[in-house]
Protein backbone atom coordinates (compact mmCIF):
# COMPACT_ATOMS: atom_id res chain seq x y z
CA MET A 1 354.76 175.82 331.96
CA SER A 2 354.62 174.18 328.55
CA SER A 3 356.67 175.63 325.74
CA ARG A 4 353.48 176.25 323.76
CA ARG A 5 352.07 178.45 326.52
CA SER A 6 355.40 180.16 326.91
CA ARG A 7 355.54 180.97 323.20
CA SER A 8 351.93 182.13 323.31
CA ARG A 9 352.67 184.52 326.16
CA GLN A 10 355.80 185.81 324.46
CA THR A 11 353.87 186.44 321.25
CA SER A 12 351.05 188.17 323.11
CA SER A 13 353.35 190.37 325.11
CA SER A 14 355.42 191.30 322.08
CA ARG A 15 352.27 192.49 320.31
CA ASN A 16 350.94 194.12 323.48
CA ILE A 17 347.56 192.40 323.29
CA THR A 18 346.18 191.84 326.74
CA ASP A 19 343.81 189.12 327.84
CA ASP A 20 341.21 191.82 328.48
CA GLN A 21 341.51 193.02 324.89
CA ILE A 22 341.10 189.49 323.57
CA HIS A 23 338.09 188.98 325.81
CA ASP A 24 336.61 192.26 324.55
CA LEU A 25 337.15 191.27 320.90
CA VAL A 26 335.60 187.83 321.45
CA SER A 27 332.61 189.49 323.14
CA LYS A 28 332.17 191.79 320.17
CA LEU A 29 332.28 188.82 317.80
CA GLN A 30 329.67 187.03 319.90
CA GLN A 31 327.36 190.03 319.58
CA LEU A 32 327.70 189.96 315.79
CA LEU A 33 327.05 186.25 315.32
CA PRO A 34 323.37 185.26 315.11
CA GLU A 35 324.09 181.67 316.19
CA ILE A 36 325.63 182.81 319.45
CA ARG A 37 323.59 185.96 320.03
CA ASN A 38 320.31 184.01 319.92
CA ARG A 39 321.40 181.35 322.43
CA SER A 40 320.04 181.48 325.94
CA SER A 41 323.34 180.53 327.59
CA ASP A 42 325.83 183.34 328.06
CA LYS A 43 328.95 181.18 328.28
CA VAL A 44 330.51 180.41 324.92
CA SER A 45 334.22 179.67 324.66
CA ALA A 46 336.53 181.79 322.56
CA SER A 47 337.37 178.82 320.36
CA ARG A 48 333.69 178.12 319.75
CA THR A 49 333.17 181.80 318.92
CA LEU A 50 335.98 181.66 316.37
CA GLN A 51 334.56 178.47 314.85
CA GLU A 52 331.13 180.06 314.57
CA THR A 53 332.70 183.19 313.04
CA CYS A 54 334.40 181.09 310.35
CA ASN A 55 331.16 179.22 309.63
CA TYR A 56 329.22 182.47 309.42
CA ILE A 57 331.72 184.00 307.00
CA ARG A 58 331.63 180.86 304.83
CA ASN A 59 327.83 181.04 304.74
CA LEU A 60 327.95 184.72 303.79
CA HIS A 61 330.36 183.90 300.96
CA ARG A 62 327.98 181.20 299.71
CA GLU A 63 325.06 183.62 299.82
CA VAL A 64 327.00 186.26 297.91
CA ASP A 65 328.00 183.70 295.28
CA ASP A 66 324.40 182.50 294.97
CA LEU A 67 323.02 186.02 294.68
CA SER A 68 325.68 186.93 292.12
CA GLU A 69 324.78 183.93 290.03
CA ARG A 70 321.06 184.71 290.25
CA LEU A 71 321.71 188.33 289.29
CA SER A 72 323.79 187.24 286.30
CA GLU A 73 320.97 184.96 285.17
CA LEU A 74 318.46 187.76 285.61
CA LEU A 75 320.56 190.20 283.60
CA ALA A 76 321.02 187.60 280.87
CA THR A 77 317.25 187.12 280.50
CA THR A 78 316.24 190.80 280.48
CA ASP A 79 316.45 193.10 277.50
CA THR A 80 319.41 195.41 277.11
CA ALA A 81 317.64 198.55 278.37
CA GLN A 82 316.39 196.87 281.55
CA ALA A 83 319.81 195.30 282.17
CA ALA A 84 321.44 198.73 281.82
CA ILE A 85 319.02 200.20 284.36
CA ILE A 86 319.73 197.39 286.82
CA ARG A 87 323.50 197.78 286.35
CA ASN A 88 323.23 201.55 286.96
CA LEU A 89 321.24 200.97 290.15
CA LEU A 90 323.82 198.50 291.39
CA MET A 91 326.68 200.92 290.76
CA GLN A 92 325.14 203.65 292.94
């Protein structure tokens, strides 16, 4: 057995995470990811699932940044009363 696998097994056993638990967590991630959930094939590797998860999170961050910027622009172009109403709605 390679030392990498040996270390991996030691780390896993010391944290008490079983292969079944990892499989369950990967399955849950696959259900959350649109790119994987919408595919017709059921077999997607754990590494591919993690890559897709990272990509999905990056895309969500970009969308949040874009929406924040658009909201800031909107608030800057509206009058003070309308901007206050929008801010109050967002705080609820």
